[in-house]
Amino acid sequence: MFKVHELVLVSDPVEALEKETGFFQVTAPTGQTLEIRLEGGYVRIQGEFYCPENMRTDDRWQIVKVGELEPNDTHIENEGRPETKMQ
């Protein structure tokens, strides 16, 4: 389990993030960086940018957990859907 602000280098980001939840910054060896939200098997890309200063000479991906999900966050699978209300 990743800790907030922990930097980890991995060869397979999908495997490393498989059971994680929260907000992450994932940087490919090429410097391409994604800011993602993971929750319950769903992934949502929050942003994408290129950081040439983060280019690597090996095949490792850099992952940093930048935050936890809050209890009142909308679940990814429910985003964009009207809320159902119990009557």
Foldseek 3Di string as FASTA:
>chain_A
DADAFDKDKDLDVCVVCVPPAAWKWKAFLQQKIFIWGDDDRDIDTPDIDGDNVNHHPDGIMIMHHNGHDDPPDDDPVCPPPDDDDDD
